[in-house]
Amino acid sequence: MVGCGITGEKFEPKITAMTVDDTSLRNRREILTYGGALGVAGLAGCIGTTDESEGSEDAYTIGMIDSRSGSLADFGERNQKAKEIALADVNEIGVKDKDLEILVEDSEGDIQQGVSAAQKLVNQDGVPFIIGAVGSGVSMAIYESVIQGTDTVQLSQNSTGLGLTDFPGLLRMSPSGRTQSIALADIISEDGYDEVAVTYINDDFGESLYDAFAEAYDGEVVYESAHDGEKSSYSSLVSQMDGSGADAWLCITYQTEFATMVTNMYEGGYEAQLYGADSNRGDSVLEGTPEGSMDGMKVVEPAAPEEQDNYKAFAAAFEDEHGEAPTAWSAFAYDCVITAALSIQAADEFTGAALQETVRDVTRPEGEAVFTYEEAHSILSDGGSPSDIDYQGVSGPIDFDENGDPRGSLKVIEVQDHAYVSIGSRQS
């Protein structure tokens, strides 16, 4: 890959000593400033525009940035399991007589680490397509600091923050969190609560979902407060929420933080009807909280079409391989891999510019509905064009709109006997 700079040497930005505890990194309005501090603003204009490599001799190589560790590791673990199933489905057939290979980097759920991972994949490894990331703030930081201004395709597997809609070049497989916020507002009102106390994680995901909720809620938000992540205790916060007098509490945060909050609530003897967004739910939350401490809580999250044949096949393969059922998040990760493979199969060459032309078309509703990689590959390998197929994912119809957002549906989860139980669905 051609380097950048007057001397022609490859530019190697130095990362300043910052941590995600710095609230400026949690706020989308500061991401561009942060990107400047990394020195990648100048880098972005020349990454991914000259590399026309066909990948390795035996494989096409793309990248994936996932939360292998940190507060979103539950998502990352499921994503990796789904990725392996998708790769097996793709490589059983091949992509233009090659395999698909995915280089995975860990974002740790951290903006700084996510940007560093993207720099490595794009600048050093030269991948033209990146799947990533999980956290919305991380996805946007990657796009604004590394991807924007290049031909590299970025497709997030799990980001639901409303801010992604402002960047049409940043695609995502999971639907916008706005639909969750509206559904939560409706459910809390339907449950008879005309007052609510709200806390939200101090980043774009939390801020944007709270803003959408406050706009949609018919009742009164009697308490609202942003909180920082990765704190050892939120006792003061839950005490203030209890002091608001609201019987309904909405927590928009991540799994690690929420487990700490619930434990603090339980230890303090506070009782409230709890509600949450998709990021609250996870096995680590159940494992990290006292038995019965969340019973009755309701969570709204994206839903997969569980009665659809391709989802059933995916779920069966997932359970056979991993001994557990997949989630909608697993399905999103699977569909990211399949969409990437179809984009490569349909493109004239293995470059970011060519993949930009095909990644949306292979899922558009104008084409023939296909439900597996094999069906789609058959049409493309027989001379079909990207617009001849409409891949219907195991997560449901994709159909990226002009903002890079997909379609989607929601389900409502309730905690019963310290376990998650689906109690209904809602259309987004």
Protein backbone atom coordinates (compact mmCIF):
# COMPACT_ATOMS: atom_id res chain seq x y z
CA MET A 1 0.00 0.00 0.00
CA VAL A 2 1.23 3.48 -0.83
CA GLY A 3 2.21 5.47 2.27
CA CYS A 4 1.22 9.04 3.10
CA GLY A 5 3.24 12.16 3.75
CA ILE A 6 5.75 14.31 1.92
CA THR A 7 8.56 11.78 2.24
CA GLY A 8 6.42 8.94 0.96
CA GLU A 9 7.00 6.97 4.16
CA LYS A 10 4.03 5.25 5.74
CA PHE A 11 2.43 7.50 8.33
CA GLU A 12 2.45 5.98 11.83
CA PRO A 13 0.31 8.14 14.15
CA LYS A 14 1.12 8.19 17.85
CA ILE A 15 -1.75 7.59 20.24
CA THR A 16 -1.96 10.03 23.09
CA ALA A 17 -2.51 8.77 26.62
CA MET A 18 -6.28 8.94 26.98
CA THR A 19 -8.79 6.57 28.52
CA VAL A 20 -12.51 6.03 28.08
CA ASP A 21 -13.01 7.47 31.58
CA ASP A 22 -12.42 10.83 29.94
CA THR A 23 -15.97 11.89 29.16
CA SER A 24 -14.83 13.69 26.04
CA LEU A 25 -14.22 10.28 24.46
CA ARG A 26 -17.74 9.23 25.37
CA ASN A 27 -19.30 12.12 23.50
CA ARG A 28 -19.77 12.03 19.75
CA ARG A 29 -19.25 15.77 19.52
CA GLU A 30 -15.63 15.25 20.56
CA ILE A 31 -14.78 12.33 18.29
CA LEU A 32 -13.40 14.48 15.50
CA THR A 33 -11.18 16.28 17.99
CA TYR A 34 -9.99 12.94 19.27
CA GLY A 35 -9.34 11.76 15.73
CA GLY A 36 -7.23 14.85 15.19
CA ALA A 37 -5.23 14.05 18.29
CA LEU A 38 -4.49 10.66 16.85
CA GLY A 39 -3.28 12.26 13.67
CA VAL A 40 -5.52 10.11 11.53
CA ALA A 41 -7.45 12.93 9.88
CA GLY A 42 -4.64 13.32 7.40
CA LEU A 43 -4.26 9.58 7.20
CA ALA A 44 -7.90 9.02 6.24
CA GLY A 45 -7.57 10.70 2.87
CA CYS A 46 -5.08 8.19 1.59
CA ILE A 47 -5.99 4.85 3.14
CA GLY A 48 -7.75 2.23 1.08
CA THR A 49 -7.70 4.13 -2.21
CA THR A 50 -4.79 2.51 -4.04
CA ASP A 51 -4.71 -1.11 -2.86
CA GLU A 52 -6.19 -3.37 -5.55
CA SER A 53 -4.98 -6.59 -3.99
CA GLU A 54 -6.99 -9.75 -4.56
CA GLY A 55 -6.17 -10.83 -1.01
CA SER A 56 -3.94 -13.81 -0.34
CA GLU A 57 -3.40 -16.52 -2.93
CA ASP A 58 -6.12 -18.71 -1.43
CA ALA A 59 -8.43 -16.25 0.34
CA TYR A 60 -10.06 -12.84 0.30
CA THR A 61 -9.22 -11.13 3.57
CA ILE A 62 -11.48 -8.65 5.35
CA GLY A 63 -11.37 -7.27 8.90
CA MET A 64 -13.60 -7.39 11.95
CA ILE A 65 -13.46 -5.21 15.06
CA ASP A 66 -15.28 -6.84 17.94
CA SER A 67 -15.59 -6.57 21.72
CA ARG A 68 -13.57 -9.60 22.71
CA SER A 69 -13.13 -8.10 26.18
CA GLY A 70 -14.52 -5.20 28.20
CA SER A 71 -18.09 -4.31 29.17
CA LEU A 72 -19.55 -5.54 25.85
CA ALA A 73 -17.71 -8.86 25.78
CA ASP A 74 -20.96 -10.84 25.91
CA PHE A 75 -21.83 -9.40 22.51
CA GLY A 76 -18.38 -10.11 21.16
CA GLU A 77 -18.45 -13.73 22.30
CA ARG A 78 -21.75 -14.36 20.49
CA ASN A 79 -20.54 -12.48 17.42
CA GLN A 80 -17.45 -14.65 17.13
CA LYS A 81 -19.48 -17.83 17.40
CA ALA A 82 -21.81 -16.62 14.65
CA LYS A 83 -18.88 -15.47 12.52
CA GLU A 84 -17.40 -18.97 12.54
CA ILE A 85 -20.70 -20.49 11.39
CA ALA A 86 -20.99 -17.92 8.61
CA LEU A 87 -17.43 -18.57 7.46
CA ALA A 88 -18.13 -22.29 7.34
CA ASP A 89 -21.23 -21.68 5.20
CA VAL A 90 -19.33 -19.36 2.85
CA ASN A 91 -16.16 -21.41 2.52
CA GLU A 92 -18.04 -24.62 1.86
CA ILE A 93 -19.00 -22.98 -1.45
CA GLY A 94 -16.26 -20.39 -1.88
CA VAL A 95 -16.04 -16.80 -3.07
CA LYS A 96 -14.85 -16.72 -6.68
CA ASP A 97 -13.08 -20.04 -6.02
CA LYS A 98 -11.32 -18.70 -2.93
CA ASP A 99 -12.03 -18.78 0.78
CA LEU A 100 -13.09 -15.82 2.87
CA GLU A 101 -10.72 -14.95 5.72
CA ILE A 102 -11.47 -12.51 8.56
CA LEU A 103 -8.80 -10.80 10.65
CA VAL A 104 -10.31 -10.01 14.07
CA GLU A 105 -9.13 -7.19 16.33
CA ASP A 106 -10.40 -6.47 19.85
CA SER A 107 -11.84 -3.01 20.53
CA GLU A 108 -12.23 -3.83 24.24
CA GLY A 109 -15.40 -1.72 24.00
CA ASP A 110 -13.05 1.29 24.04
CA ILE A 111 -12.89 4.16 21.54
CA GLN A 112 -9.11 4.44 21.61
CA GLN A 113 -8.60 0.71 21.15
CA GLY A 114 -11.26 0.57 18.43
CA VAL A 115 -9.59 3.31 16.41
CA SER A 116 -6.19 1.65 16.84
CA ALA A 117 -7.67 -1.64 15.63
CA ALA A 118 -9.14 0.07 12.56
CA GLN A 119 -5.82 1.75 11.79
CA LYS A 120 -4.09 -1.62 11.85
CA LEU A 121 -6.65 -3.35 9.66
CA VAL A 122 -6.89 -0.57 7.09
CA ASN A 123 -3.38 0.89 7.08
CA GLN A 124 -1.25 -2.18 7.76
CA ASP A 125 -3.37 -5.13 6.66
CA GLY A 126 -4.97 -3.25 3.76
CA VAL A 127 -8.45 -4.75 4.14
CA PRO A 128 -11.12 -3.09 1.93
CA PHE A 129 -14.04 -4.17 4.14
CA ILE A 130 -14.42 -3.93 7.93
CA ILE A 131 -17.15 -5.42 10.08
CA GLY A 132 -17.33 -3.32 13.23
CA ALA A 133 -17.89 -2.33 15.86
CA VAL A 134 -20.26 -3.23 18.70
CA GLY A 135 -20.50 0.03 20.68
CA SER A 136 -22.00 2.93 18.77
CA GLY A 137 -19.41 5.42 19.98
CA VAL A 138 -16.62 3.09 18.89
CA SER A 139 -18.20 2.57 15.46
CA MET A 140 -18.55 6.30 14.86
CA ALA A 141 -15.03 7.06 16.07
CA ILE A 142 -13.68 4.45 13.67
CA TYR A 143 -15.68 5.90 10.80
CA GLU A 144 -14.86 9.56 11.46
CA SER A 145 -11.19 9.01 12.29
CA VAL A 146 -10.19 6.20 9.92
CA ILE A 147 -12.83 5.23 7.33
CA GLN A 148 -14.42 8.50 6.22
CA GLY A 149 -12.77 9.83 3.08
CA THR A 150 -11.58 6.37 1.99
CA ASP A 151 -13.19 3.66 -0.12
CA THR A 152 -13.15 1.13 2.74
CA VAL A 153 -16.57 -0.33 3.57
CA GLN A 154 -17.61 -0.30 7.24
CA LEU A 155 -20.58 -2.41 8.35
CA SER A 156 -21.33 -2.44 12.09
CA GLN A 157 -22.70 -5.67 13.50
CA ASN A 158 -24.37 -4.41 16.70
CA SER A 159 -24.41 -0.59 16.94
CA THR A 160 -27.85 0.90 17.60
CA GLY A 161 -26.99 4.50 18.55
CA LEU A 162 -29.07 7.11 16.74
CA GLY A 163 -25.97 9.07 15.72
CA LEU A 164 -24.98 6.49 13.09
CA THR A 165 -27.90 7.65 10.96
CA ASP A 166 -26.04 10.95 10.43
CA PHE A 167 -23.30 9.09 8.52
CA PRO A 168 -24.78 7.41 5.41
CA GLY A 169 -21.41 5.86 4.60
CA LEU A 170 -21.43 3.94 7.88
CA LEU A 171 -23.66 0.90 7.43
CA ARG A 172 -25.10 -1.17 10.24
CA MET A 173 -26.89 -4.50 10.41
CA SER A 174 -28.86 -3.85 13.63
CA PRO A 175 -31.70 -1.31 13.54
CA SER A 176 -31.49 2.16 15.07
CA GLY A 177 -32.12 2.39 18.79
CA ARG A 178 -34.79 5.02 18.15
CA THR A 179 -37.28 2.20 17.72
CA GLN A 180 -36.30 0.81 21.14
CA SER A 181 -36.72 4.21 22.78
CA ILE A 182 -40.20 4.67 21.35
CA ALA A 183 -41.19 1.15 22.36
CA LEU A 184 -39.90 1.68 25.92
CA ALA A 185 -41.85 4.94 26.21
CA ASP A 186 -45.01 3.17 25.10
CA ILE A 187 -44.49 0.15 27.40
CA ILE A 188 -43.81 2.26 30.51
CA SER A 189 -46.98 4.28 29.82
CA GLU A 190 -48.99 1.12 29.12
CA ASP A 191 -47.78 -0.32 32.42
CA GLY A 192 -49.39 2.65 34.17
CA TYR A 193 -46.36 4.74 35.08
CA ASP A 194 -46.69 8.47 34.46
CA GLU A 195 -43.35 9.27 36.13
CA VAL A 196 -39.97 7.72 35.49
CA ALA A 197 -36.39 8.14 36.67
CA VAL A 198 -33.77 7.65 33.96
CA THR A 199 -30.03 7.12 33.92
CA TYR A 200 -28.00 6.64 30.76
CA ILE A 201 -24.40 5.88 29.89
CA ASN A 202 -22.42 9.00 29.06
CA ASP A 203 -21.78 8.32 25.38
CA ASP A 204 -23.57 8.70 22.06
CA PHE A 205 -25.52 5.49 22.52
CA GLY A 206 -26.88 6.49 25.92
CA GLU A 207 -27.48 10.14 25.09
CA SER A 208 -29.24 9.49 21.81
CA LEU A 209 -31.51 6.76 23.17
CA TYR A 210 -32.43 8.92 26.15
CA ASP A 211 -33.22 11.93 23.93
CA ALA A 212 -35.49 9.78 21.76
CA PHE A 213 -37.18 8.30 24.83
CA ALA A 214 -37.81 11.70 26.44
CA GLU A 215 -39.34 12.96 23.20
CA ALA A 216 -41.68 9.96 22.92
CA TYR A 217 -42.69 9.49 26.58
CA ASP A 218 -46.13 10.86 27.50
CA GLY A 219 -45.35 10.99 31.21
CA GLU A 220 -42.86 13.06 33.18
CA VAL A 221 -39.16 12.31 33.53
CA VAL A 222 -38.73 13.32 37.18
CA TYR A 223 -35.03 12.43 37.29
CA GLU A 224 -32.39 12.05 34.58
CA SER A 225 -28.65 11.70 34.89
CA ALA A 226 -25.79 10.53 32.72
CA HIS A 227 -23.28 8.16 34.31
CA ASP A 228 -19.73 7.22 33.41
CA GLY A 229 -18.82 3.65 32.66
CA GLU A 230 -16.72 1.10 34.52
CA LYS A 231 -17.35 2.48 38.01
CA SER A 232 -16.94 0.15 40.98
CA SER A 233 -20.14 1.51 42.56
CA TYR A 234 -23.26 3.42 41.53
CA SER A 235 -24.70 3.63 45.06
CA SER A 236 -25.03 7.41 44.96
CA LEU A 237 -26.81 7.27 41.61
CA VAL A 238 -29.39 4.68 42.66
CA SER A 239 -29.96 6.58 45.92
CA GLN A 240 -30.79 9.70 43.91
CA MET A 241 -33.11 7.74 41.63
CA ASP A 242 -34.91 6.39 44.67
CA GLY A 243 -35.15 9.90 46.08
CA SER A 244 -36.97 11.08 42.96
CA GLY A 245 -40.07 9.21 44.07
CA ALA A 246 -40.50 7.50 40.71
CA ASP A 247 -41.65 3.88 40.85
CA ALA A 248 -40.35 3.15 37.34
CA TRP A 249 -36.62 3.30 36.56
CA LEU A 250 -35.16 3.20 33.06
CA CYS A 251 -31.48 2.30 32.81
CA ILE A 252 -29.81 2.77 29.42
CA THR A 253 -26.34 1.39 29.94
CA TYR A 254 -24.04 -1.59 29.39
CA GLN A 255 -23.96 -4.99 31.01
CA THR A 256 -21.10 -4.47 33.46
CA GLU A 257 -22.42 -1.13 34.63
CA PHE A 258 -25.98 -2.40 34.95
CA ALA A 259 -24.96 -5.43 37.00
CA THR A 260 -23.24 -3.07 39.42
CA MET A 261 -26.31 -0.82 39.60
CA VAL A 262 -28.64 -3.74 40.30
CA THR A 263 -26.36 -5.04 43.03
CA ASN A 264 -26.25 -1.56 44.60
CA MET A 265 -30.06 -1.35 44.42
CA TYR A 266 -30.44 -4.74 46.06
CA GLU A 267 -27.97 -3.97 48.81
CA GLY A 268 -29.66 -0.63 49.47
CA GLY A 269 -33.11 -2.18 49.70
CA TYR A 270 -34.47 -0.10 46.82
CA GLU A 271 -37.45 -1.46 44.92
CA ALA A 272 -38.54 -0.15 41.54
CA GLN A 273 -39.97 -1.46 38.29
CA LEU A 274 -36.92 -1.69 36.01
CA TYR A 275 -36.77 -1.15 32.26
CA GLY A 276 -33.80 -1.30 29.93
CA ALA A 277 -32.41 -1.26 26.42
CA ASP A 278 -30.79 -4.14 24.55
CA SER A 279 -27.35 -3.45 26.01
CA ASN A 280 -28.57 -4.21 29.55
CA ARG A 281 -29.23 -7.88 28.84
CA GLY A 282 -26.67 -10.64 29.02
CA ASP A 283 -25.63 -13.79 30.84
CA SER A 284 -22.98 -11.80 32.69
CA VAL A 285 -25.74 -9.60 34.17
CA LEU A 286 -27.61 -12.63 35.51
CA GLU A 287 -24.39 -14.11 36.84
CA GLY A 288 -23.27 -10.83 38.41
CA THR A 289 -26.47 -9.93 40.28
CA PRO A 290 -28.29 -11.45 43.29
CA GLU A 291 -30.97 -14.03 42.55
CA GLY A 292 -34.34 -12.34 42.10
CA SER A 293 -32.94 -8.81 42.10
CA MET A 294 -34.25 -8.02 38.60
CA ASP A 295 -37.47 -10.04 38.47
CA GLY A 296 -40.16 -8.17 36.58
CA MET A 297 -37.72 -6.05 34.60
CA LYS A 298 -38.61 -5.45 30.96
CA VAL A 299 -36.09 -5.04 28.15
CA VAL A 300 -36.71 -4.16 24.52
CA GLU A 301 -34.27 -5.46 21.92
CA PRO A 302 -34.08 -6.25 18.20
CA ALA A 303 -35.72 -9.51 17.19
CA ALA A 304 -34.78 -12.20 14.68
CA PRO A 305 -37.40 -13.99 12.53
CA GLU A 306 -37.39 -17.19 14.57
CA GLU A 307 -40.02 -18.88 12.37
CA GLN A 308 -38.06 -18.27 9.16
CA ASP A 309 -36.38 -21.38 7.72
CA ASN A 310 -32.95 -19.81 7.29
CA TYR A 311 -32.98 -18.61 10.90
CA LYS A 312 -33.97 -22.08 12.07
CA ALA A 313 -31.05 -23.58 10.15
CA PHE A 314 -28.68 -20.99 11.60
CA ALA A 315 -30.01 -21.56 15.13
CA ALA A 316 -29.64 -25.33 14.78
CA ALA A 317 -26.04 -24.99 13.59
CA PHE A 318 -25.30 -22.54 16.41
CA GLU A 319 -26.74 -24.85 19.05
CA ASP A 320 -24.98 -27.91 17.63
CA GLU A 321 -21.66 -26.11 17.64
CA HIS A 322 -21.92 -24.13 20.87
CA GLY A 323 -24.57 -25.84 22.98
CA GLU A 324 -26.68 -22.72 23.33
CA ALA A 325 -29.27 -20.77 21.36
CA PRO A 326 -28.19 -17.71 19.36
CA THR A 327 -29.62 -14.23 19.86
CA ALA A 328 -30.62 -11.55 17.37
CA TRP A 329 -27.13 -10.09 17.89
CA SER A 330 -25.60 -13.37 16.75
CA ALA A 331 -27.81 -13.22 13.67
CA PHE A 332 -26.62 -9.69 12.86
CA ALA A 333 -22.98 -10.80 13.01
CA TYR A 334 -23.73 -13.80 10.78
CA ASP A 335 -25.44 -11.56 8.22
CA CYS A 336 -22.52 -9.14 8.19
CA VAL A 337 -20.22 -11.94 7.08
CA ILE A 338 -22.64 -13.22 4.43
CA THR A 339 -23.23 -9.70 3.09
CA ALA A 340 -19.47 -9.13 2.86
CA ALA A 341 -18.99 -12.42 0.98
CA LEU A 342 -21.80 -11.63 -1.46
CA SER A 343 -20.38 -8.15 -2.03
CA ILE A 344 -17.02 -9.68 -2.95
CA GLN A 345 -18.65 -12.29 -5.19
CA ALA A 346 -20.62 -9.58 -7.00
CA ALA A 347 -17.83 -7.01 -7.33
CA ASP A 348 -15.60 -6.67 -10.39
CA GLU A 349 -12.50 -6.48 -8.21
CA PHE A 350 -11.50 -6.81 -4.58
CA THR A 351 -11.20 -3.12 -3.72
CA GLY A 352 -13.08 -0.83 -1.40
CA ALA A 353 -14.38 1.20 -4.34
CA ALA A 354 -15.82 -1.90 -6.01
CA LEU A 355 -17.33 -3.21 -2.78
CA GLN A 356 -18.95 0.16 -2.10
CA GLU A 357 -20.87 -0.41 -5.33
CA THR A 358 -22.16 -3.87 -4.40
CA VAL A 359 -22.67 -3.98 -0.62
CA ARG A 360 -26.05 -2.23 -0.72
CA ASP A 361 -27.29 -3.82 -3.93
CA VAL A 362 -27.04 -7.44 -2.77
CA THR A 363 -29.72 -6.80 -0.14
CA ARG A 364 -32.07 -4.50 -2.07
CA PRO A 365 -35.74 -5.55 -2.39
CA GLU A 366 -35.72 -5.19 -6.18
CA GLY A 367 -33.82 -8.47 -6.60
CA GLU A 368 -34.94 -12.07 -6.24
CA ALA A 369 -35.40 -13.00 -2.58
CA VAL A 370 -32.69 -15.44 -1.52
CA PHE A 371 -32.33 -16.83 1.97
CA THR A 372 -28.92 -18.51 1.99
CA TYR A 373 -25.44 -17.77 0.76
CA GLU A 374 -25.70 -20.80 -1.53
CA GLU A 375 -28.84 -19.48 -3.25
CA ALA A 376 -27.36 -16.02 -3.73
CA HIS A 377 -23.99 -17.35 -4.89
CA SER A 378 -25.68 -19.55 -7.50
CA ILE A 379 -27.32 -16.52 -9.14
CA LEU A 380 -24.18 -14.39 -9.02
CA SER A 381 -21.87 -17.13 -10.30
CA ASP A 382 -24.22 -17.73 -13.24
CA GLY A 383 -23.74 -14.16 -14.41
CA GLY A 384 -26.30 -12.41 -12.24
CA SER A 385 -25.68 -8.84 -11.11
CA PRO A 386 -25.86 -7.52 -7.53
CA SER A 387 -29.30 -6.07 -8.22
CA ASP A 388 -30.55 -9.54 -9.24
CA ILE A 389 -30.52 -10.75 -5.62
CA ASP A 390 -32.16 -9.61 -2.40
CA TYR A 391 -30.45 -11.43 0.45
CA GLN A 392 -32.96 -12.01 3.24
CA GLY A 393 -30.80 -12.42 6.30
CA VAL A 394 -31.19 -14.78 9.20
CA SER A 395 -31.84 -11.53 11.09
CA GLY A 396 -34.63 -10.66 8.64
CA PRO A 397 -34.85 -8.31 5.64
CA ILE A 398 -31.90 -5.93 5.50
CA ASP A 399 -32.61 -3.36 2.76
CA PHE A 400 -30.15 -0.62 3.80
CA ASP A 401 -31.85 2.77 3.43
CA GLU A 402 -30.21 6.01 2.28
CA ASN A 403 -28.72 6.46 5.78
CA GLY A 404 -27.20 2.98 5.92
CA ASP A 405 -29.86 1.75 8.36
CA PRO A 406 -31.66 -1.60 7.92
CA ARG A 407 -35.22 -2.64 8.60
CA GLY A 408 -35.97 -4.44 11.84
CA SER A 409 -38.44 -5.67 14.43
CA LEU A 410 -38.38 -5.76 18.22
CA LYS A 411 -39.20 -8.16 21.02
CA VAL A 412 -39.97 -7.56 24.67
CA ILE A 413 -38.07 -9.56 27.28
CA GLU A 414 -39.07 -9.91 30.93
CA VAL A 415 -36.91 -11.22 33.76
CA GLN A 416 -38.75 -14.09 35.44
CA ASP A 417 -37.13 -16.19 38.18
CA HIS A 418 -33.80 -14.57 37.30
CA ALA A 419 -34.04 -15.66 33.66
CA TYR A 420 -34.89 -13.85 30.43
CA VAL A 421 -38.28 -14.74 28.92
CA SER A 422 -39.72 -13.37 25.67
CA ILE A 423 -43.22 -11.96 26.29
CA GLY A 424 -44.09 -10.25 23.00
CA SER A 425 -43.00 -8.44 19.87
CA ARG A 426 -43.32 -4.98 18.32
CA GLN A 427 -42.73 -3.71 14.82
CA SER A 428 -40.12 -1.01 14.29
